[in-house]
């Protein structure tokens, strides 16, 4: 009987601790959503033709509109990108963690020694593994779009710290969509 009580108390303590941890991250992610909202306002300021869409926890801000068929959930997309972790209401080279766009990297005076990184990325949404937030934000893009996809750490790398990206970081991707195929 005493052992059952000790086990029950241990389980209750573990559940309370897990609940507190979840609440801590919920608060963090709520704060990130507010920062993303500020960033969206800054990205659209003065751009009358910019559009903002919320897609399953991601926000896509399209600043240049392409043409053609929108990307489906199982389609393929070819694009250049610059990835950032979000710390404020703006994006700058200090928080850029990756890019495959050589001219953009050069314009940002971003030092890259591995020039093989400058190749267009092609992914098939239904097959290739990418972070949930980016996948959600890509659905619906068109060839020729230039857009930003932003999302909280909840839909990013979560508790994993990857290279210089902090754990639980909100992320933003600037995307230059080259082509879309839904075959």
N, C-alpha and C. Protein backbone atom coordinates (compact mmCIF):
# COMPACT_ATOMS: atom_id res chain seq x y z
N UNK A 1 0.82 -1.19 0.00
CA UNK A 1 0.00 0.00 0.00
C UNK A 1 0.86 1.26 0.00
N UNK A 2 1.88 1.27 0.88
CA UNK A 2 2.76 2.44 0.96
C UNK A 2 3.48 2.65 -0.37
N UNK A 3 3.89 1.58 -0.99
CA UNK A 3 4.58 1.66 -2.29
C UNK A 3 3.64 2.26 -3.35
N UNK A 4 2.39 1.89 -3.34
CA UNK A 4 1.40 2.41 -4.29
C UNK A 4 1.21 3.91 -4.08
N UNK A 5 1.19 4.36 -2.83
CA UNK A 5 1.05 5.78 -2.53
C UNK A 5 2.27 6.54 -3.04
N UNK A 6 3.47 6.01 -2.81
CA UNK A 6 4.71 6.67 -3.26
C UNK A 6 4.72 6.76 -4.79
N UNK A 7 4.33 5.68 -5.46
CA UNK A 7 4.28 5.68 -6.92
C UNK A 7 3.25 6.69 -7.41
N UNK A 8 2.08 6.72 -6.77
CA UNK A 8 1.03 7.67 -7.16
C UNK A 8 1.50 9.11 -7.00
N UNK A 9 2.16 9.40 -5.88
CA UNK A 9 2.67 10.75 -5.64
C UNK A 9 3.73 11.10 -6.68
N UNK A 10 4.60 10.15 -7.02
CA UNK A 10 5.63 10.39 -8.02
C UNK A 10 5.01 10.69 -9.39
N UNK A 11 3.99 9.96 -9.74
CA UNK A 11 3.31 10.18 -11.02
C UNK A 11 2.65 11.57 -11.03
N UNK A 12 2.01 11.94 -9.94
CA UNK A 12 1.36 13.25 -9.86
C UNK A 12 2.39 14.36 -9.97
N UNK A 13 3.52 14.24 -9.30
CA UNK A 13 4.58 15.25 -9.37
C UNK A 13 5.10 15.36 -10.80
N UNK A 14 5.30 14.22 -11.45
CA UNK A 14 5.79 14.23 -12.84
C UNK A 14 4.79 14.91 -13.77
N UNK A 15 3.50 14.64 -13.57
CA UNK A 15 2.48 15.27 -14.40
C UNK A 15 2.42 16.78 -14.17
N UNK A 16 2.56 17.20 -12.93
CA UNK A 16 2.56 18.64 -12.62
C UNK A 16 3.78 19.30 -13.25
N UNK A 17 4.93 18.67 -13.14
CA UNK A 17 6.15 19.23 -13.73
C UNK A 17 6.01 19.33 -15.25
N UNK A 18 5.47 18.31 -15.87
CA UNK A 18 5.28 18.34 -17.33
C UNK A 18 4.30 19.44 -17.71
N UNK A 19 3.24 19.59 -16.92
CA UNK A 19 2.24 20.62 -17.19
C UNK A 19 2.87 22.00 -17.07
N UNK A 20 3.70 22.22 -16.06
CA UNK A 20 4.36 23.51 -15.88
C UNK A 20 5.30 23.78 -17.04
N UNK A 21 6.01 22.74 -17.49
CA UNK A 21 6.91 22.89 -18.63
C UNK A 21 6.15 23.27 -19.88
N UNK A 22 5.00 22.62 -20.12
CA UNK A 22 4.18 22.93 -21.28
C UNK A 22 3.68 24.37 -21.20
N UNK A 23 3.26 24.81 -20.01
CA UNK A 23 2.78 26.18 -19.85
C UNK A 23 3.90 27.18 -20.10
N UNK A 24 5.11 26.84 -19.68
CA UNK A 24 6.26 27.71 -19.92
C UNK A 24 6.48 27.88 -21.42
N UNK A 25 6.42 26.79 -22.17
CA UNK A 25 6.63 26.87 -23.60
C UNK A 25 5.46 27.52 -24.30
N UNK A 26 4.24 27.29 -23.81
CA UNK A 26 3.08 27.97 -24.38
C UNK A 26 3.24 29.48 -24.26
N UNK A 27 3.72 29.94 -23.12
CA UNK A 27 3.95 31.36 -22.91
C UNK A 27 5.05 31.87 -23.85
N UNK A 28 6.11 31.10 -24.01
CA UNK A 28 7.19 31.46 -24.93
C UNK A 28 6.65 31.58 -26.35
N UNK A 29 5.88 30.58 -26.78
CA UNK A 29 5.34 30.58 -28.14
C UNK A 29 4.34 31.71 -28.34
N UNK A 30 3.55 32.04 -27.32
CA UNK A 30 2.63 33.17 -27.41
C UNK A 30 3.41 34.47 -27.63
N UNK A 31 4.51 34.63 -26.91
CA UNK A 31 5.37 35.81 -27.10
C UNK A 31 5.96 35.85 -28.50
N UNK A 32 6.34 34.68 -29.01
CA UNK A 32 6.88 34.62 -30.37
C UNK A 32 5.82 35.02 -31.39
N UNK A 33 4.58 34.60 -31.17
CA UNK A 33 3.49 34.97 -32.09
C UNK A 33 3.32 36.49 -32.14
N UNK A 34 3.48 37.16 -31.01
CA UNK A 34 3.38 38.62 -30.98
C UNK A 34 4.54 39.26 -31.73
N UNK A 35 5.73 38.71 -31.58
CA UNK A 35 6.89 39.21 -32.32
C UNK A 35 6.70 38.99 -33.81
N UNK A 36 6.14 37.83 -34.19
CA UNK A 36 5.87 37.54 -35.60
C UNK A 36 4.86 38.55 -36.15
N UNK A 37 3.85 38.89 -35.37
CA UNK A 37 2.86 39.87 -35.80
C UNK A 37 3.53 41.22 -36.08
N UNK A 38 4.44 41.64 -35.21
CA UNK A 38 5.18 42.88 -35.43
C UNK A 38 6.02 42.79 -36.70
N UNK A 39 6.67 41.66 -36.88
CA UNK A 39 7.51 41.45 -38.07
C UNK A 39 6.67 41.49 -39.34
N UNK A 40 5.50 40.87 -39.31
CA UNK A 40 4.59 40.89 -40.47
C UNK A 40 4.21 42.33 -40.79
N UNK A 41 3.88 43.11 -39.78
CA UNK A 41 3.54 44.52 -40.01
C UNK A 41 4.71 45.27 -40.64
N UNK A 42 5.92 44.99 -40.19
CA UNK A 42 7.10 45.65 -40.76
C UNK A 42 7.36 45.20 -42.20
N UNK A 43 7.12 43.92 -42.50
CA UNK A 43 7.36 43.41 -43.85
C UNK A 43 6.34 43.94 -44.86
N UNK A 44 5.14 44.27 -44.40
CA UNK A 44 4.09 44.73 -45.31
C UNK A 44 3.97 46.26 -45.37
N UNK A 45 4.65 46.95 -44.49
CA UNK A 45 4.56 48.41 -44.44
C UNK A 45 4.98 49.01 -45.79
N UNK A 46 4.08 49.79 -46.37
CA UNK A 46 4.37 50.46 -47.64
C UNK A 46 4.27 49.56 -48.87
N UNK A 47 3.83 48.34 -48.69
CA UNK A 47 3.70 47.40 -49.80
C UNK A 47 2.23 47.07 -49.98
N UNK A 48 1.56 47.88 -50.79
CA UNK A 48 0.11 47.76 -50.96
C UNK A 48 -0.33 46.43 -51.54
N UNK A 49 0.51 45.79 -52.36
CA UNK A 49 0.10 44.53 -52.97
C UNK A 49 0.57 43.30 -52.18
N UNK A 50 1.17 43.51 -51.02
CA UNK A 50 1.57 42.37 -50.18
C UNK A 50 0.32 41.69 -49.62
N UNK A 51 0.38 40.37 -49.52
CA UNK A 51 -0.74 39.63 -48.92
C UNK A 51 -0.22 38.83 -47.73
N UNK A 52 -1.09 38.62 -46.76
CA UNK A 52 -0.75 37.87 -45.56
C UNK A 52 -1.76 36.75 -45.42
N UNK A 53 -1.25 35.52 -45.26
CA UNK A 53 -2.11 34.35 -45.07
C UNK A 53 -1.63 33.56 -43.87
N UNK A 54 -2.56 33.08 -43.07
CA UNK A 54 -2.26 32.17 -41.96
C UNK A 54 -2.63 30.77 -42.40
N UNK A 55 -1.66 29.86 -42.27
CA UNK A 55 -1.86 28.49 -42.72
C UNK A 55 -1.38 27.53 -41.63
N UNK A 56 -2.31 26.95 -40.88
CA UNK A 56 -1.98 25.94 -39.87
C UNK A 56 -0.83 26.35 -38.95
N UNK A 57 -0.88 27.55 -38.43
CA UNK A 57 0.13 28.01 -37.48
C UNK A 57 1.31 28.72 -38.10
N UNK A 58 1.37 28.79 -39.42
CA UNK A 58 2.41 29.54 -40.12
C UNK A 58 1.77 30.77 -40.74
N UNK A 59 2.58 31.80 -40.94
CA UNK A 59 2.12 33.00 -41.62
C UNK A 59 2.98 33.18 -42.87
N UNK A 60 2.30 33.38 -44.01
CA UNK A 60 3.04 33.64 -45.25
C UNK A 60 2.72 35.06 -45.69
N UNK A 61 3.78 35.84 -45.90
CA UNK A 61 3.68 37.20 -46.40
C UNK A 61 4.25 37.18 -47.81
N UNK A 62 3.40 37.39 -48.81
CA UNK A 62 3.85 37.39 -50.20
C UNK A 62 4.02 38.84 -50.63
N UNK A 63 5.25 39.19 -51.02
CA UNK A 63 5.55 40.56 -51.41
C UNK A 63 5.66 40.72 -52.93
N UNK A 64 5.91 39.62 -53.65
CA UNK A 64 5.88 39.60 -55.10
C UNK A 64 5.04 38.39 -55.48
N UNK A 65 4.02 38.64 -56.29
CA UNK A 65 3.09 37.56 -56.65
C UNK A 65 3.48 36.94 -57.98
N UNK A 66 3.59 35.61 -57.96
CA UNK A 66 3.87 34.87 -59.18
C UNK A 66 2.58 34.49 -59.88
N UNK A 67 2.71 33.54 -60.77
CA UNK A 67 1.56 33.11 -61.56
C UNK A 67 1.51 31.59 -61.60
N UNK A 68 0.38 31.09 -62.02
CA UNK A 68 0.25 29.66 -62.23
C UNK A 68 -0.51 28.97 -61.12
N UNK A 69 -0.38 27.66 -61.13
CA UNK A 69 -1.09 26.81 -60.19
C UNK A 69 -0.41 26.85 -58.82
N UNK A 70 -1.19 27.01 -57.75
CA UNK A 70 -0.61 26.99 -56.40
C UNK A 70 -0.09 25.59 -56.04
N UNK A 71 0.93 25.55 -55.22
CA UNK A 71 1.52 24.30 -54.76
C UNK A 71 0.53 23.53 -53.88
N UNK A 72 0.34 22.25 -54.19
CA UNK A 72 -0.53 21.40 -53.38
C UNK A 72 0.28 20.74 -52.27
N UNK A 73 -0.42 20.07 -51.36
CA UNK A 73 0.24 19.41 -50.23
C UNK A 73 1.17 18.27 -50.66
N UNK A 74 1.02 17.76 -51.87
CA UNK A 74 1.88 16.69 -52.35
C UNK A 74 2.72 17.12 -53.54
N UNK A 75 2.73 18.42 -53.85
CA UNK A 75 3.47 18.92 -55.00
C UNK A 75 4.95 19.08 -54.71
N UNK A 76 5.67 19.47 -55.77
CA UNK A 76 7.11 19.74 -55.67
C UNK A 76 7.34 21.22 -55.91
N UNK A 77 8.34 21.76 -55.25
CA UNK A 77 8.64 23.18 -55.37
C UNK A 77 10.16 23.36 -55.41
N UNK A 78 10.60 24.27 -56.30
CA UNK A 78 12.02 24.62 -56.40
C UNK A 78 12.16 26.07 -55.97
N UNK A 79 13.12 26.34 -55.09
CA UNK A 79 13.23 27.69 -54.54
C UNK A 79 14.62 27.99 -54.00
N UNK A 80 14.89 29.27 -53.88
CA UNK A 80 16.03 29.78 -53.13
C UNK A 80 15.48 30.29 -51.81
N UNK A 81 16.32 30.33 -50.78
CA UNK A 81 15.83 30.76 -49.48
C UNK A 81 16.94 31.42 -48.66
N UNK A 82 16.50 32.14 -47.65
CA UNK A 82 17.36 32.62 -46.57
C UNK A 82 16.59 32.32 -45.29
N UNK A 83 17.21 31.62 -44.36
CA UNK A 83 16.57 31.25 -43.11
C UNK A 83 17.08 32.09 -41.96
N UNK A 84 16.17 32.50 -41.09
CA UNK A 84 16.49 33.33 -39.93
C UNK A 84 15.83 32.76 -38.67
N UNK A 85 16.48 32.93 -37.53
CA UNK A 85 15.74 32.75 -36.29
C UNK A 85 15.32 34.14 -35.84
N UNK A 86 14.12 34.24 -35.31
CA UNK A 86 13.51 35.53 -35.01
C UNK A 86 13.80 35.93 -33.57
N UNK A 87 14.36 37.14 -33.41
CA UNK A 87 14.62 37.67 -32.07
C UNK A 87 13.94 39.02 -31.86
N UNK A 88 13.49 39.64 -32.96
CA UNK A 88 12.88 40.97 -32.87
C UNK A 88 11.93 41.16 -34.04
N UNK A 89 11.48 42.39 -34.21
CA UNK A 89 10.54 42.71 -35.28
C UNK A 89 11.20 42.98 -36.62
N UNK A 90 12.46 42.56 -36.78
CA UNK A 90 13.14 42.72 -38.07
C UNK A 90 14.05 41.52 -38.31
N UNK A 91 14.42 41.34 -39.56
CA UNK A 91 15.34 40.26 -39.94
C UNK A 91 16.64 40.89 -40.41
N UNK A 92 17.75 40.37 -39.94
CA UNK A 92 19.03 40.88 -40.42
C UNK A 92 20.07 39.76 -40.46
N UNK A 93 21.22 40.07 -41.02
CA UNK A 93 22.22 39.03 -41.25
C UNK A 93 22.74 38.40 -39.95
N UNK A 94 22.58 39.08 -38.83
CA UNK A 94 23.08 38.51 -37.57
C UNK A 94 22.27 37.30 -37.12
N UNK A 95 21.03 37.19 -37.59
CA UNK A 95 20.20 36.03 -37.22
C UNK A 95 19.95 35.10 -38.40
N UNK A 96 20.60 35.37 -39.53
CA UNK A 96 20.46 34.49 -40.69
C UNK A 96 21.33 33.25 -40.44
N UNK A 97 20.73 32.07 -40.55
CA UNK A 97 21.49 30.85 -40.30
C UNK A 97 21.81 30.06 -41.56
N UNK A 98 21.15 30.36 -42.67
CA UNK A 98 21.44 29.63 -43.90
C UNK A 98 20.85 30.37 -45.09
N UNK A 99 21.48 30.20 -46.23
CA UNK A 99 20.93 30.66 -47.50
C UNK A 99 21.55 29.85 -48.62
N UNK A 100 20.79 29.66 -49.68
CA UNK A 100 21.31 29.02 -50.88
C UNK A 100 21.29 30.00 -52.05
N UNK A 101 21.05 31.27 -51.74
CA UNK A 101 20.96 32.32 -52.75
C UNK A 101 22.26 33.12 -52.73
N UNK A 102 23.12 32.83 -53.69
CA UNK A 102 24.46 33.43 -53.70
C UNK A 102 24.42 34.96 -53.81
N UNK A 103 23.57 35.51 -54.67
CA UNK A 103 23.53 36.97 -54.80
C UNK A 103 23.00 37.62 -53.52
N UNK A 104 22.03 36.98 -52.87
CA UNK A 104 21.52 37.52 -51.62
C UNK A 104 22.60 37.45 -50.53
N UNK A 105 23.30 36.33 -50.45
CA UNK A 105 24.38 36.19 -49.46
C UNK A 105 25.42 37.28 -49.67
N UNK A 106 25.77 37.52 -50.92
CA UNK A 106 26.75 38.55 -51.24
C UNK A 106 26.24 39.93 -50.85
N UNK A 107 24.97 40.22 -51.14
CA UNK A 107 24.42 41.54 -50.80
C UNK A 107 24.38 41.76 -49.29
N UNK A 108 24.29 40.68 -48.53
CA UNK A 108 24.27 40.78 -47.07
C UNK A 108 25.68 40.74 -46.47
N UNK A 109 26.67 40.63 -47.35
CA UNK A 109 28.07 40.48 -46.92
C UNK A 109 28.20 39.30 -45.96
N UNK A 110 27.50 38.25 -46.33
CA UNK A 110 27.49 37.04 -45.52
C UNK A 110 28.59 36.12 -46.02
N UNK A 111 29.50 35.79 -45.17
CA UNK A 111 30.65 34.98 -45.56
C UNK A 111 30.26 33.51 -45.66
N UNK A 112 30.48 32.95 -46.84
CA UNK A 112 30.22 31.54 -47.05
C UNK A 112 31.42 30.95 -47.77
N UNK A 113 32.02 29.97 -47.14
CA UNK A 113 33.19 29.35 -47.75
C UNK A 113 32.82 28.16 -48.62
N UNK A 114 31.69 27.54 -48.36
CA UNK A 114 31.24 26.39 -49.15
C UNK A 114 30.30 26.87 -50.24
N UNK A 115 30.85 27.12 -51.43
CA UNK A 115 30.03 27.64 -52.52
C UNK A 115 29.10 26.58 -53.11
N UNK A 116 29.26 25.32 -52.72
CA UNK A 116 28.32 24.29 -53.19
C UNK A 116 26.95 24.45 -52.54
N UNK A 117 26.87 25.29 -51.50
CA UNK A 117 25.59 25.54 -50.83
C UNK A 117 24.66 26.37 -51.70
N UNK A 118 25.20 27.00 -52.75
CA UNK A 118 24.40 27.88 -53.59
C UNK A 118 23.77 27.13 -54.75
N UNK A 119 22.88 26.23 -54.42
CA UNK A 119 22.14 25.48 -55.44
C UNK A 119 20.66 25.57 -55.09
N UNK A 120 19.85 25.61 -56.10
CA UNK A 120 18.41 25.69 -55.87
C UNK A 120 17.95 24.46 -55.09
N UNK A 121 17.04 24.64 -54.16
CA UNK A 121 16.49 23.55 -53.37
C UNK A 121 15.19 23.10 -54.03
N UNK A 122 15.05 21.80 -54.22
CA UNK A 122 13.79 21.25 -54.74
C UNK A 122 13.32 20.20 -53.76
N UNK A 123 12.08 20.33 -53.33
CA UNK A 123 11.50 19.36 -52.38
C UNK A 123 10.12 18.94 -52.85
N UNK A 124 9.75 17.75 -52.46
CA UNK A 124 8.39 17.25 -52.69
C UNK A 124 7.73 17.24 -51.31
N UNK A 125 6.69 18.05 -51.15
CA UNK A 125 6.09 18.24 -49.83
C UNK A 125 5.59 16.95 -49.20
N UNK A 126 5.03 16.05 -49.97
CA UNK A 126 4.50 14.82 -49.40
C UNK A 126 5.55 13.79 -49.03
N UNK A 127 6.81 14.00 -49.45
CA UNK A 127 7.85 13.00 -49.23
C UNK A 127 9.05 13.49 -48.43
N UNK A 128 9.52 14.69 -48.70
CA UNK A 128 10.74 15.18 -48.06
C UNK A 128 10.44 15.73 -46.68
N UNK A 129 11.38 15.52 -45.78
CA UNK A 129 11.21 16.01 -44.40
C UNK A 129 11.71 17.45 -44.29
N UNK A 130 10.81 18.33 -43.90
CA UNK A 130 11.16 19.71 -43.58
C UNK A 130 10.36 20.09 -42.35
N UNK A 131 10.78 21.16 -41.70
CA UNK A 131 10.07 21.57 -40.48
C UNK A 131 8.61 21.88 -40.81
N UNK A 132 7.74 21.57 -39.88
CA UNK A 132 6.29 21.71 -40.07
C UNK A 132 5.89 23.12 -40.50
N UNK A 133 6.47 24.13 -39.86
CA UNK A 133 6.09 25.51 -40.17
C UNK A 133 6.40 25.90 -41.60
N UNK A 134 7.55 25.47 -42.11
CA UNK A 134 7.91 25.78 -43.49
C UNK A 134 7.01 25.01 -44.45
N UNK A 135 6.76 23.76 -44.16
CA UNK A 135 5.88 22.95 -45.01
C UNK A 135 4.50 23.60 -45.10
N UNK A 136 3.94 23.99 -43.96
CA UNK A 136 2.62 24.63 -43.95
C UNK A 136 2.61 25.90 -44.79
N UNK A 137 3.66 26.69 -44.67
CA UNK A 137 3.74 27.97 -45.37
C UNK A 137 3.97 27.84 -46.86
N UNK A 138 4.56 26.72 -47.29
CA UNK A 138 4.80 26.52 -48.72
C UNK A 138 3.53 26.16 -49.49
N UNK A 139 2.60 25.49 -48.83
CA UNK A 139 1.37 25.08 -49.52
C UNK A 139 0.66 26.33 -50.04
N UNK A 140 0.45 26.38 -51.35
CA UNK A 140 -0.24 27.51 -51.97
C UNK A 140 0.66 28.50 -52.68
N UNK A 141 2.01 28.37 -52.55
CA UNK A 141 2.88 29.30 -53.27
C UNK A 141 2.79 29.03 -54.77
N UNK A 142 3.17 30.02 -55.55
CA UNK A 142 3.18 29.91 -57.01
C UNK A 142 4.57 30.24 -57.53
N UNK A 143 4.88 29.70 -58.70
CA UNK A 143 6.15 30.04 -59.33
C UNK A 143 6.24 31.54 -59.53
N UNK A 144 7.37 32.12 -59.15
CA UNK A 144 7.57 33.56 -59.26
C UNK A 144 7.28 34.32 -57.99
N UNK A 145 6.66 33.68 -57.00
CA UNK A 145 6.40 34.35 -55.71
C UNK A 145 7.71 34.68 -55.01
N UNK A 146 7.73 35.80 -54.33
CA UNK A 146 8.74 36.09 -53.32
C UNK A 146 7.95 36.28 -52.05
N UNK A 147 8.29 35.49 -51.04
CA UNK A 147 7.48 35.52 -49.82
C UNK A 147 8.33 35.21 -48.60
N UNK A 148 7.73 35.43 -47.46
CA UNK A 148 8.31 35.09 -46.16
C UNK A 148 7.35 34.11 -45.49
N UNK A 149 7.91 33.08 -44.88
CA UNK A 149 7.12 32.15 -44.08
C UNK A 149 7.65 32.24 -42.67
N UNK A 150 6.77 32.54 -41.72
CA UNK A 150 7.16 32.76 -40.33
C UNK A 150 6.34 31.86 -39.42
N UNK A 151 6.98 31.35 -38.35
CA UNK A 151 6.26 30.48 -37.42
C UNK A 151 7.03 30.38 -36.11
N UNK A 152 6.30 30.06 -35.05
CA UNK A 152 6.90 29.94 -33.72
C UNK A 152 7.73 28.66 -33.62
N UNK A 153 8.48 28.58 -32.56
CA UNK A 153 9.30 27.40 -32.31
C UNK A 153 8.49 26.12 -32.17
N UNK A 154 7.22 26.26 -31.90
CA UNK A 154 6.33 25.11 -31.78
C UNK A 154 6.28 24.32 -33.08
N UNK A 155 6.42 25.01 -34.22
CA UNK A 155 6.37 24.37 -35.53
C UNK A 155 7.74 24.37 -36.21
N UNK A 156 8.77 24.68 -35.43
CA UNK A 156 10.14 24.69 -35.96
C UNK A 156 10.92 23.49 -35.48
N UNK A 157 12.09 23.74 -34.92
CA UNK A 157 12.95 22.66 -34.45
C UNK A 157 12.66 22.26 -33.01
N UNK A 158 11.70 22.96 -32.37
CA UNK A 158 11.32 22.61 -31.00
C UNK A 158 12.48 22.73 -30.04
N UNK A 159 12.64 21.73 -29.20
CA UNK A 159 13.66 21.80 -28.15
C UNK A 159 15.07 21.53 -28.65
N UNK A 160 15.21 21.22 -29.93
CA UNK A 160 16.54 20.96 -30.49
C UNK A 160 17.27 22.27 -30.80
N UNK A 161 18.52 22.35 -30.36
CA UNK A 161 19.40 23.46 -30.76
C UNK A 161 20.17 22.93 -31.95
N UNK A 162 20.09 23.61 -33.07
CA UNK A 162 20.76 23.17 -34.28
C UNK A 162 21.74 24.25 -34.71
N UNK A 163 23.03 23.90 -34.72
CA UNK A 163 24.09 24.86 -35.05
C UNK A 163 23.90 26.12 -34.20
N UNK A 164 23.74 27.30 -34.85
CA UNK A 164 23.58 28.54 -34.08
C UNK A 164 22.11 28.92 -33.88
N UNK A 165 21.19 28.01 -34.18
CA UNK A 165 19.77 28.27 -33.98
C UNK A 165 19.40 27.84 -32.55
N UNK A 166 18.94 28.77 -31.73
CA UNK A 166 18.59 28.41 -30.35
C UNK A 166 17.41 27.42 -30.29
N UNK A 167 17.37 26.63 -29.25
CA UNK A 167 16.23 25.74 -29.02
C UNK A 167 14.96 26.58 -28.90
N UNK A 168 13.86 26.06 -29.38
CA UNK A 168 12.54 26.70 -29.31
C UNK A 168 12.46 28.02 -30.08
N UNK A 169 13.38 28.25 -31.01
CA UNK A 169 13.42 29.52 -31.74
C UNK A 169 12.28 29.63 -32.76
N UNK A 170 11.69 30.82 -32.83
CA UNK A 170 10.77 31.15 -33.92
C UNK A 170 11.63 31.32 -35.17
N UNK A 171 11.09 30.93 -36.32
CA UNK A 171 11.87 30.97 -37.56
C UNK A 171 11.16 31.76 -38.64
N UNK A 172 11.95 32.30 -39.55
CA UNK A 172 11.44 32.98 -40.74
C UNK A 172 12.26 32.53 -41.92
N UNK A 173 11.60 32.27 -43.02
CA UNK A 173 12.27 31.93 -44.26
C UNK A 173 11.85 32.93 -45.32
N UNK A 174 12.84 33.55 -45.95
CA UNK A 174 12.56 34.37 -47.12
C UNK A 174 12.73 33.44 -48.31
N UNK A 175 11.73 33.39 -49.18
CA UNK A 175 11.71 32.42 -50.27
C UNK A 175 11.55 33.11 -51.62
N UNK A 176 12.32 32.62 -52.58
CA UNK A 176 12.19 33.03 -53.96
C UNK A 176 11.77 31.78 -54.71
N UNK A 177 10.49 31.67 -55.02
CA UNK A 177 9.93 30.45 -55.62
C UNK A 177 10.22 30.47 -57.13
N UNK A 178 10.90 29.45 -57.61
CA UNK A 178 11.24 29.37 -59.03
C UNK A 178 10.21 28.57 -59.82
N UNK A 179 9.75 27.45 -59.27
CA UNK A 179 8.75 26.66 -59.98
C UNK A 179 7.97 25.80 -59.02
N UNK A 180 6.76 25.43 -59.48
CA UNK A 180 5.85 24.57 -58.73
C UNK A 180 5.34 23.50 -59.67
N UNK A 181 5.27 22.27 -59.16
CA UNK A 181 4.72 21.17 -59.96
C UNK A 181 3.81 20.34 -59.06
N UNK A 182 2.61 20.05 -59.52
CA UNK A 182 1.68 19.25 -58.75
C UNK A 182 1.45 17.89 -59.39
N UNK A 183 2.37 17.46 -60.23
CA UNK A 183 2.22 16.16 -60.92
C UNK A 183 2.37 15.00 -59.98
